[in-house]
Amino acid sequence: MVVGKDPVILPSNIALPQFDYIALGHIHRQQVLATDPPACYSGSLARLDFSDEGLDKGFYLVELKEKRQAGSRLTGPPDFIVLETRRFITVKTKILPDEPDPTATIIAAIETHRIEIKDAILKIEINLPENRANLIQDKKILGACQDAHHVFIARHKDRESRSRLDITSAERLTPTEALRIYLERQSNLSPARKQLLLEYGGTLVNQTLSPIEADSSR
């Protein structure tokens, strides 16, 4: 009857003085909606996925004195008892466009969480440029996570947007100018490397073109 449409009730509709304690269920996150009287979600007893990462899991211990009048039978505030349950850990890394050994960088990030990942469900998030993706060695990464209970590797590739010259502008470019613009847009090349390639490219252009064409391309 309520699939896809949970009933919504205001806290003021349930936190009534004739109640000693209102125990709420179904919601997986522990939270307190009211304190007088207490209205609490104890949440799930275990972490279910990475949305529960870092959250305490457990239950509320409530003591009542039966002989007291309804609404005043609590002996004290509810006590949340934290349980030792499976842990979800995320290790995030960012790889730079000129990173020579992305796998070593990822393993170094894992080492900083060595104690935390023991027996945990581990997710390794890797943000990297597309040109570094083929340098990632999963086998070495998994070997560095042997203490974890289970490991996920999630890659997020940064694809560079390529702006195009309009046809009119492109037709006015000499081969050397076109090469220079192309090299300027290569984020994975150092300035020295770009300059060297431009010099070699210019030499090849001059050797290939006729004397008149070579003169016009300078």
N, C-alpha and C. Protein backbone atom coordinates (compact mmCIF):
# COMPACT_ATOMS: atom_id res chain seq x y z
N MET A 1 0.82 -1.22 0.00
CA MET A 1 0.00 0.00 0.00
C MET A 1 0.85 1.27 0.00
N VAL A 2 2.09 1.17 0.51
CA VAL A 2 2.90 2.38 0.61
C VAL A 2 4.15 2.31 -0.26
N VAL A 3 4.26 1.29 -1.13
CA VAL A 3 5.43 1.17 -1.98
C VAL A 3 5.52 2.40 -2.89
N GLY A 4 6.67 3.07 -2.83
CA GLY A 4 6.86 4.27 -3.64
C GLY A 4 6.28 5.52 -3.04
N LYS A 5 5.58 5.41 -1.93
CA LYS A 5 4.99 6.59 -1.30
C LYS A 5 4.90 6.36 0.20
N ASP A 6 5.96 6.72 0.92
CA ASP A 6 5.96 6.53 2.37
C ASP A 6 5.04 7.55 3.03
N PRO A 7 4.33 7.12 4.08
CA PRO A 7 3.49 8.08 4.81
C PRO A 7 4.36 9.10 5.53
N VAL A 8 3.92 10.35 5.56
CA VAL A 8 4.65 11.43 6.22
C VAL A 8 3.86 11.90 7.43
N ILE A 9 4.52 11.88 8.60
CA ILE A 9 3.88 12.29 9.84
C ILE A 9 4.77 13.32 10.53
N LEU A 10 4.23 14.41 11.00
CA LEU A 10 5.01 15.42 11.70
C LEU A 10 5.43 14.90 13.07
N PRO A 11 6.65 15.26 13.54
CA PRO A 11 7.07 14.85 14.90
C PRO A 11 6.08 15.27 15.98
N SER A 12 5.44 16.41 15.78
CA SER A 12 4.48 16.89 16.78
C SER A 12 3.25 15.99 16.87
N ASN A 13 2.99 15.18 15.84
CA ASN A 13 1.85 14.27 15.87
C ASN A 13 2.11 13.02 16.71
N ILE A 14 3.39 12.72 16.96
CA ILE A 14 3.71 11.49 17.69
C ILE A 14 4.40 11.76 19.04
N ALA A 15 5.10 12.90 19.16
CA ALA A 15 5.79 13.21 20.41
C ALA A 15 4.79 13.81 21.40
N LEU A 16 3.90 12.96 21.91
CA LEU A 16 2.81 13.39 22.78
C LEU A 16 3.14 13.08 24.23
N PRO A 17 2.67 13.87 25.17
CA PRO A 17 3.04 13.71 26.58
C PRO A 17 2.59 12.40 27.21
N GLN A 18 1.59 11.73 26.64
CA GLN A 18 1.15 10.46 27.22
C GLN A 18 2.06 9.29 26.86
N PHE A 19 3.03 9.54 26.00
CA PHE A 19 4.00 8.50 25.64
C PHE A 19 5.29 8.69 26.43
N ASP A 20 5.91 7.58 26.83
CA ASP A 20 7.21 7.65 27.50
C ASP A 20 8.35 7.70 26.49
N TYR A 21 8.21 6.93 25.43
CA TYR A 21 9.28 6.82 24.44
C TYR A 21 8.67 6.39 23.11
N ILE A 22 9.09 7.01 22.03
CA ILE A 22 8.58 6.66 20.70
C ILE A 22 9.72 6.04 19.91
N ALA A 23 9.63 4.74 19.67
CA ALA A 23 10.66 4.02 18.91
C ALA A 23 10.24 3.97 17.45
N LEU A 24 11.07 4.55 16.57
CA LEU A 24 10.75 4.64 15.15
C LEU A 24 11.64 3.70 14.34
N GLY A 25 11.08 3.18 13.26
CA GLY A 25 11.82 2.22 12.44
C GLY A 25 11.77 2.56 10.96
N HIS A 26 12.35 1.69 10.16
CA HIS A 26 12.37 1.74 8.70
C HIS A 26 13.50 2.63 8.16
N ILE A 27 13.73 3.81 8.75
CA ILE A 27 14.82 4.66 8.30
C ILE A 27 16.14 4.09 8.82
N HIS A 28 17.15 3.99 7.95
CA HIS A 28 18.39 3.31 8.31
C HIS A 28 19.38 4.19 9.08
N ARG A 29 19.15 5.50 9.13
CA ARG A 29 20.08 6.41 9.79
C ARG A 29 19.61 6.74 11.20
N GLN A 30 20.52 6.59 12.16
CA GLN A 30 20.18 6.89 13.56
C GLN A 30 19.96 8.39 13.72
N GLN A 31 18.86 8.77 14.37
CA GLN A 31 18.55 10.18 14.57
C GLN A 31 17.47 10.35 15.64
N VAL A 32 17.47 11.54 16.22
CA VAL A 32 16.51 11.89 17.28
C VAL A 32 15.61 13.00 16.75
N LEU A 33 14.31 12.74 16.72
CA LEU A 33 13.36 13.73 16.19
C LEU A 33 12.80 14.62 17.29
N ALA A 34 12.74 14.10 18.51
CA ALA A 34 12.20 14.89 19.63
C ALA A 34 12.83 14.38 20.92
N THR A 35 12.84 15.22 21.94
CA THR A 35 13.46 14.84 23.21
C THR A 35 12.49 14.80 24.38
N ASP A 36 11.30 15.35 24.21
CA ASP A 36 10.35 15.39 25.33
C ASP A 36 8.93 15.15 24.83
N PRO A 37 8.52 13.88 24.80
CA PRO A 37 9.28 12.67 25.10
C PRO A 37 10.22 12.32 23.94
N PRO A 38 11.20 11.45 24.19
CA PRO A 38 12.14 11.08 23.13
C PRO A 38 11.45 10.34 22.00
N ALA A 39 11.75 10.75 20.78
CA ALA A 39 11.29 10.05 19.57
C ALA A 39 12.53 9.79 18.73
N CYS A 40 12.92 8.51 18.60
CA CYS A 40 14.23 8.17 18.03
C CYS A 40 14.14 7.09 16.96
N TYR A 41 14.94 7.27 15.94
CA TYR A 41 15.24 6.20 15.00
C TYR A 41 16.56 5.57 15.47
N SER A 42 16.56 4.29 15.72
CA SER A 42 17.82 3.64 16.06
C SER A 42 18.61 3.32 14.79
N GLY A 43 17.93 3.25 13.66
CA GLY A 43 18.60 2.96 12.40
C GLY A 43 18.93 1.49 12.25
N SER A 44 19.61 1.16 11.15
CA SER A 44 19.98 -0.23 10.89
C SER A 44 21.09 -0.66 11.84
N LEU A 45 21.15 -1.94 12.14
CA LEU A 45 22.16 -2.47 13.05
C LEU A 45 23.53 -2.62 12.38
N ALA A 46 23.57 -2.56 11.06
CA ALA A 46 24.84 -2.71 10.33
C ALA A 46 24.89 -1.71 9.20
N ARG A 47 26.09 -1.37 8.77
CA ARG A 47 26.25 -0.51 7.60
C ARG A 47 25.92 -1.33 6.36
N LEU A 48 25.09 -0.75 5.51
CA LEU A 48 24.60 -1.50 4.36
C LEU A 48 25.36 -1.19 3.08
N ASP A 49 25.83 0.05 2.92
CA ASP A 49 26.59 0.42 1.74
C ASP A 49 27.43 1.65 2.07
N PHE A 50 28.04 2.26 1.05
CA PHE A 50 28.96 3.38 1.30
C PHE A 50 28.25 4.65 1.75
N SER A 51 26.93 4.72 1.62
CA SER A 51 26.21 5.86 2.16
C SER A 51 26.22 5.86 3.69
N ASP A 52 26.52 4.69 4.29
CA ASP A 52 26.61 4.57 5.75
C ASP A 52 28.04 4.74 6.26
N GLU A 53 28.98 5.04 5.36
CA GLU A 53 30.38 5.15 5.75
C GLU A 53 30.56 6.22 6.84
N GLY A 54 31.23 5.86 7.92
CA GLY A 54 31.51 6.80 8.99
C GLY A 54 30.39 6.97 10.00
N LEU A 55 29.25 6.33 9.79
CA LEU A 55 28.12 6.46 10.71
C LEU A 55 28.18 5.38 11.78
N ASP A 56 27.86 5.76 13.03
CA ASP A 56 27.74 4.77 14.10
C ASP A 56 26.46 3.96 13.90
N LYS A 57 26.56 2.66 14.18
CA LYS A 57 25.41 1.78 14.09
C LYS A 57 25.19 1.10 15.44
N GLY A 58 23.92 0.93 15.82
CA GLY A 58 23.63 0.31 17.10
C GLY A 58 22.15 0.35 17.42
N PHE A 59 21.84 0.49 18.71
CA PHE A 59 20.43 0.49 19.14
C PHE A 59 20.31 1.36 20.39
N TYR A 60 19.07 1.73 20.73
CA TYR A 60 18.80 2.51 21.94
C TYR A 60 18.39 1.60 23.09
N LEU A 61 19.00 1.83 24.22
CA LEU A 61 18.62 1.13 25.45
C LEU A 61 17.76 2.09 26.28
N VAL A 62 16.54 1.64 26.58
CA VAL A 62 15.57 2.48 27.31
C VAL A 62 15.11 1.73 28.56
N GLU A 63 15.14 2.39 29.71
CA GLU A 63 14.67 1.77 30.96
C GLU A 63 13.43 2.51 31.46
N LEU A 64 12.41 1.73 31.80
CA LEU A 64 11.15 2.28 32.28
C LEU A 64 10.83 1.75 33.68
N LYS A 65 10.21 2.59 34.49
CA LYS A 65 9.66 2.18 35.79
C LYS A 65 8.17 1.99 35.61
N GLU A 66 7.74 0.72 35.66
CA GLU A 66 6.34 0.41 35.34
C GLU A 66 5.35 1.05 36.30
N LYS A 67 5.75 1.26 37.53
CA LYS A 67 4.80 1.76 38.53
C LYS A 67 4.56 3.26 38.43
N ARG A 68 5.35 3.93 37.66
CA ARG A 68 5.16 5.37 37.50
C ARG A 68 4.01 5.65 36.54
N GLN A 69 3.58 6.89 36.55
CA GLN A 69 2.48 7.31 35.68
C GLN A 69 2.94 7.36 34.23
N ALA A 70 2.07 7.02 33.31
CA ALA A 70 2.39 7.05 31.88
C ALA A 70 2.87 8.44 31.49
N GLY A 71 3.93 8.46 30.73
CA GLY A 71 4.52 9.73 30.31
C GLY A 71 5.69 10.15 31.17
N SER A 72 5.89 9.46 32.31
CA SER A 72 7.00 9.82 33.21
C SER A 72 7.74 8.57 33.71
N ARG A 73 7.70 7.52 32.94
CA ARG A 73 8.28 6.25 33.40
C ARG A 73 9.75 6.07 33.00
N LEU A 74 10.30 6.96 32.19
CA LEU A 74 11.71 6.84 31.82
C LEU A 74 12.59 7.11 33.03
N THR A 75 13.61 6.27 33.21
CA THR A 75 14.56 6.50 34.31
C THR A 75 15.69 7.44 33.90
N GLY A 76 15.80 7.71 32.62
CA GLY A 76 16.84 8.59 32.10
C GLY A 76 16.73 8.67 30.58
N PRO A 77 17.55 9.50 29.96
CA PRO A 77 17.48 9.60 28.49
C PRO A 77 17.88 8.29 27.83
N PRO A 78 17.37 8.01 26.64
CA PRO A 78 17.75 6.79 25.92
C PRO A 78 19.27 6.75 25.69
N ASP A 79 19.84 5.57 25.84
CA ASP A 79 21.28 5.41 25.69
C ASP A 79 21.57 4.66 24.39
N PHE A 80 22.28 5.31 23.47
CA PHE A 80 22.59 4.67 22.19
C PHE A 80 23.82 3.78 22.34
N ILE A 81 23.65 2.50 22.11
CA ILE A 81 24.72 1.51 22.24
C ILE A 81 25.33 1.26 20.86
N VAL A 82 26.59 1.64 20.69
CA VAL A 82 27.26 1.49 19.39
C VAL A 82 27.78 0.06 19.24
N LEU A 83 27.52 -0.55 18.09
CA LEU A 83 27.97 -1.91 17.81
C LEU A 83 29.20 -1.90 16.89
N GLU A 84 30.03 -2.90 17.05
CA GLU A 84 31.14 -3.12 16.12
C GLU A 84 30.57 -3.86 14.91
N THR A 85 30.52 -3.20 13.78
CA THR A 85 29.96 -3.80 12.58
C THR A 85 30.89 -3.56 11.40
N ARG A 86 30.58 -4.15 10.26
CA ARG A 86 31.45 -4.02 9.11
C ARG A 86 31.65 -2.55 8.73
N ARG A 87 32.87 -2.25 8.32
CA ARG A 87 33.22 -0.87 8.01
C ARG A 87 33.37 -0.68 6.50
N PHE A 88 32.93 0.48 6.03
CA PHE A 88 33.11 0.89 4.64
C PHE A 88 34.11 2.04 4.62
N ILE A 89 35.16 1.89 3.84
CA ILE A 89 36.22 2.90 3.77
C ILE A 89 36.43 3.30 2.31
N THR A 90 36.53 4.61 2.06
CA THR A 90 36.83 5.11 0.72
C THR A 90 38.19 5.80 0.73
N VAL A 91 39.05 5.40 -0.19
CA VAL A 91 40.34 6.06 -0.38
C VAL A 91 40.28 6.79 -1.72
N LYS A 92 40.46 8.12 -1.68
CA LYS A 92 40.36 8.92 -2.90
C LYS A 92 41.76 9.36 -3.36
N THR A 93 41.99 9.25 -4.67
CA THR A 93 43.26 9.71 -5.23
C THR A 93 42.99 10.51 -6.50
N LYS A 94 43.87 11.47 -6.76
CA LYS A 94 43.78 12.27 -7.98
C LYS A 94 45.11 12.18 -8.72
N ILE A 95 45.07 11.75 -9.96
CA ILE A 95 46.26 11.58 -10.77
C ILE A 95 46.41 12.80 -11.68
N LEU A 96 47.61 13.37 -11.70
CA LEU A 96 47.89 14.54 -12.53
C LEU A 96 48.21 14.12 -13.96
N PRO A 97 48.03 15.03 -14.93
CA PRO A 97 48.26 14.67 -16.33
C PRO A 97 49.69 14.21 -16.62
N ASP A 98 50.68 14.71 -15.86
CA ASP A 98 52.07 14.34 -16.11
C ASP A 98 52.60 13.33 -15.09
N GLU A 99 51.69 12.65 -14.36
CA GLU A 99 52.10 11.68 -13.34
C GLU A 99 52.82 10.50 -14.02
N PRO A 100 54.11 10.26 -13.70
CA PRO A 100 54.85 9.19 -14.38
C PRO A 100 54.43 7.78 -13.95
N ASP A 101 54.00 7.62 -12.70
CA ASP A 101 53.64 6.28 -12.20
C ASP A 101 52.36 6.38 -11.36
N PRO A 102 51.20 6.43 -12.02
CA PRO A 102 49.93 6.56 -11.28
C PRO A 102 49.69 5.44 -10.29
N THR A 103 50.12 4.22 -10.63
CA THR A 103 49.89 3.08 -9.73
C THR A 103 50.61 3.28 -8.40
N ALA A 104 51.85 3.79 -8.45
CA ALA A 104 52.61 4.04 -7.22
C ALA A 104 51.94 5.12 -6.38
N THR A 105 51.37 6.13 -7.02
CA THR A 105 50.66 7.19 -6.30
C THR A 105 49.44 6.64 -5.58
N ILE A 106 48.71 5.75 -6.23
CA ILE A 106 47.51 5.14 -5.64
C ILE A 106 47.89 4.27 -4.45
N ILE A 107 48.94 3.47 -4.60
CA ILE A 107 49.38 2.59 -3.52
C ILE A 107 49.85 3.42 -2.32
N ALA A 108 50.50 4.55 -2.58
CA ALA A 108 50.92 5.43 -1.48
C ALA A 108 49.72 5.96 -0.71
N ALA A 109 48.64 6.28 -1.42
CA ALA A 109 47.41 6.75 -0.76
C ALA A 109 46.80 5.64 0.08
N ILE A 110 46.85 4.42 -0.42
CA ILE A 110 46.33 3.28 0.34
C ILE A 110 47.12 3.08 1.63
N GLU A 111 48.43 3.25 1.57
CA GLU A 111 49.29 3.05 2.74
C GLU A 111 48.95 4.01 3.87
N THR A 112 48.47 5.21 3.54
CA THR A 112 48.11 6.17 4.59
C THR A 112 46.87 5.74 5.36
N HIS A 113 46.14 4.74 4.84
CA HIS A 113 44.93 4.23 5.51
C HIS A 113 45.11 2.76 5.92
N ARG A 114 46.35 2.34 6.06
CA ARG A 114 46.65 0.93 6.29
C ARG A 114 45.87 0.34 7.47
N ILE A 115 45.81 1.05 8.61
CA ILE A 115 45.13 0.52 9.80
C ILE A 115 43.61 0.47 9.57
N GLU A 116 43.07 1.50 8.93
CA GLU A 116 41.62 1.60 8.74
C GLU A 116 41.08 0.51 7.82
N ILE A 117 41.84 0.15 6.78
CA ILE A 117 41.28 -0.75 5.77
C ILE A 117 41.29 -2.22 6.18
N LYS A 118 41.92 -2.55 7.28
CA LYS A 118 41.96 -3.96 7.71
C LYS A 118 40.55 -4.47 7.95
N ASP A 119 40.19 -5.53 7.25
CA ASP A 119 38.88 -6.20 7.35
C ASP A 119 37.72 -5.32 6.91
N ALA A 120 37.99 -4.20 6.25
CA ALA A 120 36.92 -3.29 5.81
C ALA A 120 36.54 -3.57 4.36
N ILE A 121 35.36 -3.08 3.97
CA ILE A 121 34.96 -3.07 2.57
C ILE A 121 35.51 -1.76 1.99
N LEU A 122 36.43 -1.88 1.05
CA LEU A 122 37.24 -0.74 0.60
C LEU A 122 36.87 -0.34 -0.83
N LYS A 123 36.69 0.96 -1.01
CA LYS A 123 36.49 1.51 -2.35
C LYS A 123 37.63 2.47 -2.65
N ILE A 124 38.30 2.26 -3.77
CA ILE A 124 39.38 3.14 -4.20
C ILE A 124 38.87 3.99 -5.35
N GLU A 125 38.70 5.27 -5.11
CA GLU A 125 38.23 6.19 -6.14
C GLU A 125 39.43 6.86 -6.79
N ILE A 126 39.55 6.70 -8.10
CA ILE A 126 40.68 7.25 -8.83
C ILE A 126 40.16 8.28 -9.84
N ASN A 127 40.53 9.54 -9.65
CA ASN A 127 40.22 10.58 -10.62
C ASN A 127 41.48 10.80 -11.45
N LEU A 128 41.37 10.63 -12.75
CA LEU A 128 42.57 10.69 -13.58
C LEU A 128 42.25 11.16 -14.98
N PRO A 129 43.25 11.77 -15.64
CA PRO A 129 43.07 12.13 -17.05
C PRO A 129 42.99 10.87 -17.91
N GLU A 130 42.33 10.97 -19.02
CA GLU A 130 42.13 9.81 -19.88
C GLU A 130 43.46 9.24 -20.37
N ASN A 131 44.47 10.11 -20.53
CA ASN A 131 45.74 9.64 -21.08
C ASN A 131 46.58 8.86 -20.06
N ARG A 132 46.14 8.81 -18.79
CA ARG A 132 46.86 8.05 -17.78
C ARG A 132 46.17 6.72 -17.45
N ALA A 133 45.00 6.49 -18.03
CA ALA A 133 44.18 5.33 -17.65
C ALA A 133 44.89 4.01 -17.91
N ASN A 134 45.62 3.91 -19.02
CA ASN A 134 46.25 2.63 -19.36
C ASN A 134 47.49 2.34 -18.52
N LEU A 135 47.87 3.28 -17.64
CA LEU A 135 49.04 3.08 -16.77
C LEU A 135 48.64 2.50 -15.41
N ILE A 136 47.34 2.39 -15.16
CA ILE A 136 46.87 1.86 -13.88
C ILE A 136 46.98 0.34 -13.88
N GLN A 137 47.67 -0.21 -12.90
CA GLN A 137 47.86 -1.67 -12.80
C GLN A 137 47.02 -2.20 -11.63
N ASP A 138 45.85 -2.75 -11.97
CA ASP A 138 44.90 -3.23 -10.95
C ASP A 138 45.52 -4.31 -10.06
N LYS A 139 46.30 -5.18 -10.65
CA LYS A 139 46.87 -6.30 -9.88
C LYS A 139 47.74 -5.78 -8.74
N LYS A 140 48.56 -4.77 -9.00
CA LYS A 140 49.41 -4.21 -7.95
C LYS A 140 48.58 -3.50 -6.88
N ILE A 141 47.52 -2.83 -7.33
CA ILE A 141 46.66 -2.11 -6.38
C ILE A 141 45.96 -3.10 -5.45
N LEU A 142 45.41 -4.15 -6.02
CA LEU A 142 44.73 -5.17 -5.20
C LEU A 142 45.71 -5.86 -4.26
N GLY A 143 46.95 -6.02 -4.71
CA GLY A 143 47.96 -6.63 -3.85
C GLY A 143 48.28 -5.78 -2.64
N ALA A 144 48.11 -4.47 -2.77
CA ALA A 144 48.36 -3.56 -1.65
C ALA A 144 47.18 -3.50 -0.69
N CYS A 145 46.06 -4.18 -1.03
CA CYS A 145 44.85 -4.12 -0.21
C CYS A 145 44.48 -5.49 0.34
N GLN A 146 45.43 -6.35 0.52
CA GLN A 146 45.12 -7.71 0.95
C GLN A 146 44.50 -7.78 2.34
N ASP A 147 44.71 -6.75 3.16
CA ASP A 147 44.12 -6.75 4.50
C ASP A 147 42.63 -6.43 4.48
N ALA A 148 42.13 -5.86 3.38
CA ALA A 148 40.72 -5.49 3.29
C ALA A 148 39.86 -6.73 3.07
N HIS A 149 38.60 -6.65 3.50
CA HIS A 149 37.67 -7.77 3.29
C HIS A 149 37.27 -7.87 1.82
N HIS A 150 37.00 -6.72 1.20
CA HIS A 150 36.63 -6.69 -0.21
C HIS A 150 37.04 -5.34 -0.78
N VAL A 151 37.38 -5.30 -2.07
CA VAL A 151 37.90 -4.08 -2.69
C VAL A 151 37.15 -3.77 -3.98
N PHE A 152 36.75 -2.50 -4.14
CA PHE A 152 36.21 -1.99 -5.39
C PHE A 152 37.18 -0.93 -5.92
N ILE A 153 37.42 -0.93 -7.21
CA ILE A 153 38.22 0.12 -7.84
C ILE A 153 37.31 0.90 -8.78
N ALA A 154 37.16 2.19 -8.51
CA ALA A 154 36.27 3.04 -9.32
C ALA A 154 37.11 4.11 -10.01
N ARG A 155 37.08 4.11 -11.33
CA ARG A 155 37.83 5.10 -12.11
C ARG A 155 36.88 6.20 -12.59
N HIS A 156 37.33 7.43 -12.45
CA HIS A 156 36.59 8.58 -12.97
C HIS A 156 37.52 9.32 -13.92
N LYS A 157 37.28 9.15 -15.23
CA LYS A 157 38.18 9.74 -16.22
C LYS A 157 37.76 11.16 -16.55
N ASP A 158 38.75 12.06 -16.56
CA ASP A 158 38.52 13.45 -16.95
C ASP A 158 38.80 13.57 -18.43
N ARG A 159 37.75 13.70 -19.22
CA ARG A 159 37.92 13.84 -20.66
C ARG A 159 37.99 15.33 -21.01
N GLU A 160 39.09 15.71 -21.63
CA GLU A 160 39.27 17.11 -21.98
C GLU A 160 38.35 17.48 -23.14
N SER A 161 37.69 18.61 -22.98
CA SER A 161 36.85 19.09 -24.08
C SER A 161 37.75 19.71 -25.15
N ARG A 162 37.51 19.34 -26.38
CA ARG A 162 38.34 19.83 -27.47
C ARG A 162 37.59 20.90 -28.25
N SER A 163 38.09 22.11 -28.19
CA SER A 163 37.47 23.18 -28.96
C SER A 163 38.01 23.13 -30.38
N ARG A 164 37.16 23.35 -31.36
CA ARG A 164 37.56 23.27 -32.76
C ARG A 164 37.60 24.67 -33.38
N LEU A 165 38.55 24.86 -34.26
CA LEU A 165 38.61 26.10 -35.01
C LEU A 165 37.54 26.08 -36.09
N ASP A 166 36.98 27.27 -36.41
CA ASP A 166 36.04 27.29 -37.51
C ASP A 166 36.81 27.11 -38.82
N ILE A 167 36.12 26.70 -39.86
CA ILE A 167 36.76 26.35 -41.12
C ILE A 167 37.53 27.52 -41.70
N THR A 168 36.96 28.71 -41.60
CA THR A 168 37.61 29.89 -42.18
C THR A 168 38.95 30.16 -41.50
N SER A 169 38.97 30.07 -40.15
CA SER A 169 40.22 30.29 -39.42
C SER A 169 41.24 29.22 -39.74
N ALA A 170 40.81 27.96 -39.84
CA ALA A 170 41.72 26.86 -40.11
C ALA A 170 42.37 26.99 -41.47
N GLU A 171 41.61 27.46 -42.46
CA GLU A 171 42.15 27.58 -43.81
C GLU A 171 43.25 28.63 -43.89
N ARG A 172 43.24 29.61 -42.98
CA ARG A 172 44.24 30.67 -43.02
C ARG A 172 45.53 30.29 -42.29
N LEU A 173 45.53 29.16 -41.57
CA LEU A 173 46.70 28.74 -40.80
C LEU A 173 47.72 28.06 -41.70
N THR A 174 48.99 28.38 -41.45
CA THR A 174 50.06 27.62 -42.09
C THR A 174 50.24 26.30 -41.34
N PRO A 175 50.88 25.29 -41.93
CA PRO A 175 51.10 24.03 -41.23
C PRO A 175 51.82 24.21 -39.89
N THR A 176 52.80 25.11 -39.86
CA THR A 176 53.54 25.32 -38.61
C THR A 176 52.66 25.95 -37.54
N GLU A 177 51.80 26.89 -37.92
CA GLU A 177 50.88 27.52 -36.97
C GLU A 177 49.87 26.51 -36.45
N ALA A 178 49.38 25.63 -37.33
CA ALA A 178 48.42 24.60 -36.91
C ALA A 178 49.07 23.65 -35.91
N LEU A 179 50.33 23.30 -36.16
CA LEU A 179 51.05 22.42 -35.23
C LEU A 179 51.23 23.09 -33.88
N ARG A 180 51.56 24.38 -33.89
CA ARG A 180 51.75 25.11 -32.64
C ARG A 180 50.47 25.12 -31.80
N ILE A 181 49.32 25.37 -32.44
CA ILE A 181 48.04 25.40 -31.73
C ILE A 181 47.72 24.02 -31.16
N TYR A 182 47.99 22.99 -31.97
CA TYR A 182 47.74 21.62 -31.50
C TYR A 182 48.58 21.29 -30.26
N LEU A 183 49.85 21.64 -30.29
CA LEU A 183 50.74 21.33 -29.17
C LEU A 183 50.35 22.11 -27.91
N GLU A 184 49.89 23.34 -28.08
CA GLU A 184 49.49 24.15 -26.93
C GLU A 184 48.33 23.53 -26.17
N ARG A 185 47.54 22.72 -26.85
CA ARG A 185 46.36 22.12 -26.22
C ARG A 185 46.63 20.75 -25.61
N GLN A 186 47.87 20.29 -25.69
CA GLN A 186 48.22 18.98 -25.13
C GLN A 186 48.70 19.16 -23.69
N SER A 187 47.81 18.94 -22.73
CA SER A 187 48.13 19.18 -21.31
C SER A 187 49.13 18.18 -20.76
N ASN A 188 49.34 17.06 -21.45
CA ASN A 188 50.25 16.04 -20.95
C ASN A 188 51.70 16.27 -21.37
N LEU A 189 51.97 17.36 -22.11
CA LEU A 189 53.32 17.66 -22.57
C LEU A 189 53.88 18.86 -21.81
N SER A 190 55.15 18.80 -21.47
CA SER A 190 55.82 19.92 -20.80
C SER A 190 56.11 21.02 -21.82
N PRO A 191 56.28 22.27 -21.38
CA PRO A 191 56.61 23.36 -22.32
C PRO A 191 57.86 23.07 -23.14
N ALA A 192 58.89 22.47 -22.51
CA ALA A 192 60.13 22.16 -23.23
C ALA A 192 59.87 21.14 -24.34
N ARG A 193 59.03 20.13 -24.01
CA ARG A 193 58.71 19.10 -24.99
C ARG A 193 57.93 19.69 -26.16
N LYS A 194 56.99 20.58 -25.87
CA LYS A 194 56.20 21.23 -26.92
C LYS A 194 57.10 22.03 -27.85
N GLN A 195 58.06 22.77 -27.27
CA GLN A 195 58.96 23.58 -28.08
C GLN A 195 59.83 22.71 -28.99
N LEU A 196 60.32 21.59 -28.43
CA LEU A 196 61.15 20.69 -29.21
C LEU A 196 60.37 20.09 -30.38
N LEU A 197 59.13 19.66 -30.12
CA LEU A 197 58.30 19.09 -31.17
C LEU A 197 57.96 20.13 -32.24
N LEU A 198 57.75 21.36 -31.80
CA LEU A 198 57.46 22.44 -32.75
C LEU A 198 58.64 22.69 -33.68
N GLU A 199 59.85 22.65 -33.11
CA GLU A 199 61.05 22.86 -33.93
C GLU A 199 61.23 21.74 -34.94
N TYR A 200 61.06 20.48 -34.48
CA TYR A 200 61.18 19.34 -35.40
C TYR A 200 60.08 19.39 -36.46
N GLY A 201 58.88 19.74 -36.04
CA GLY A 201 57.78 19.82 -36.99
C GLY A 201 58.01 20.88 -38.04
N GLY A 202 58.52 22.05 -37.61
CA GLY A 202 58.82 23.11 -38.56
C GLY A 202 59.86 22.68 -39.57
N THR A 203 60.87 21.93 -39.13
CA THR A 203 61.91 21.43 -40.03
C THR A 203 61.31 20.49 -41.06
N LEU A 204 60.43 19.57 -40.61
CA LEU A 204 59.80 18.63 -41.53
C LEU A 204 58.91 19.34 -42.55
N VAL A 205 58.19 20.36 -42.09
CA VAL A 205 57.33 21.12 -43.00
C VAL A 205 58.16 21.77 -44.09
N ASN A 206 59.27 22.39 -43.70
CA ASN A 206 60.11 23.08 -44.67
C ASN A 206 60.77 22.11 -45.65
N GLN A 207 61.06 20.88 -45.20
CA GLN A 207 61.66 19.88 -46.07
C GLN A 207 60.66 19.30 -47.05
N THR A 208 59.37 19.30 -46.66
CA THR A 208 58.33 18.67 -47.47
C THR A 208 57.77 19.61 -48.52
N LEU A 209 57.58 20.88 -48.14
CA LEU A 209 56.94 21.82 -49.04
C LEU A 209 57.91 22.28 -50.14
N SER A 210 57.33 22.76 -51.22
CA SER A 210 58.13 23.36 -52.29
C SER A 210 58.73 24.66 -51.79
N PRO A 211 59.77 25.21 -52.45
CA PRO A 211 60.38 26.47 -51.98
C PRO A 211 59.38 27.60 -51.81
N ILE A 212 58.41 27.73 -52.73
CA ILE A 212 57.41 28.81 -52.61
C ILE A 212 56.50 28.56 -51.42
N GLU A 213 56.02 27.30 -51.25
CA GLU A 213 55.12 26.97 -50.13
C GLU A 213 55.84 27.12 -48.81
N ALA A 214 57.11 26.71 -48.76
CA ALA A 214 57.87 26.81 -47.51
C ALA A 214 58.04 28.26 -47.12
N ASP A 215 58.26 29.14 -48.11
CA ASP A 215 58.45 30.54 -47.80
C ASP A 215 57.17 31.14 -47.25
N SER A 216 56.02 30.73 -47.79
CA SER A 216 54.74 31.29 -47.33
C SER A 216 54.34 30.75 -45.97
N SER A 217 54.91 29.58 -45.56
CA SER A 217 54.53 28.99 -44.25
C SER A 217 55.32 29.58 -43.11
N ARG A 218 56.39 30.36 -43.42
CA ARG A 218 57.20 30.94 -42.33
C ARG A 218 56.46 32.12 -41.70
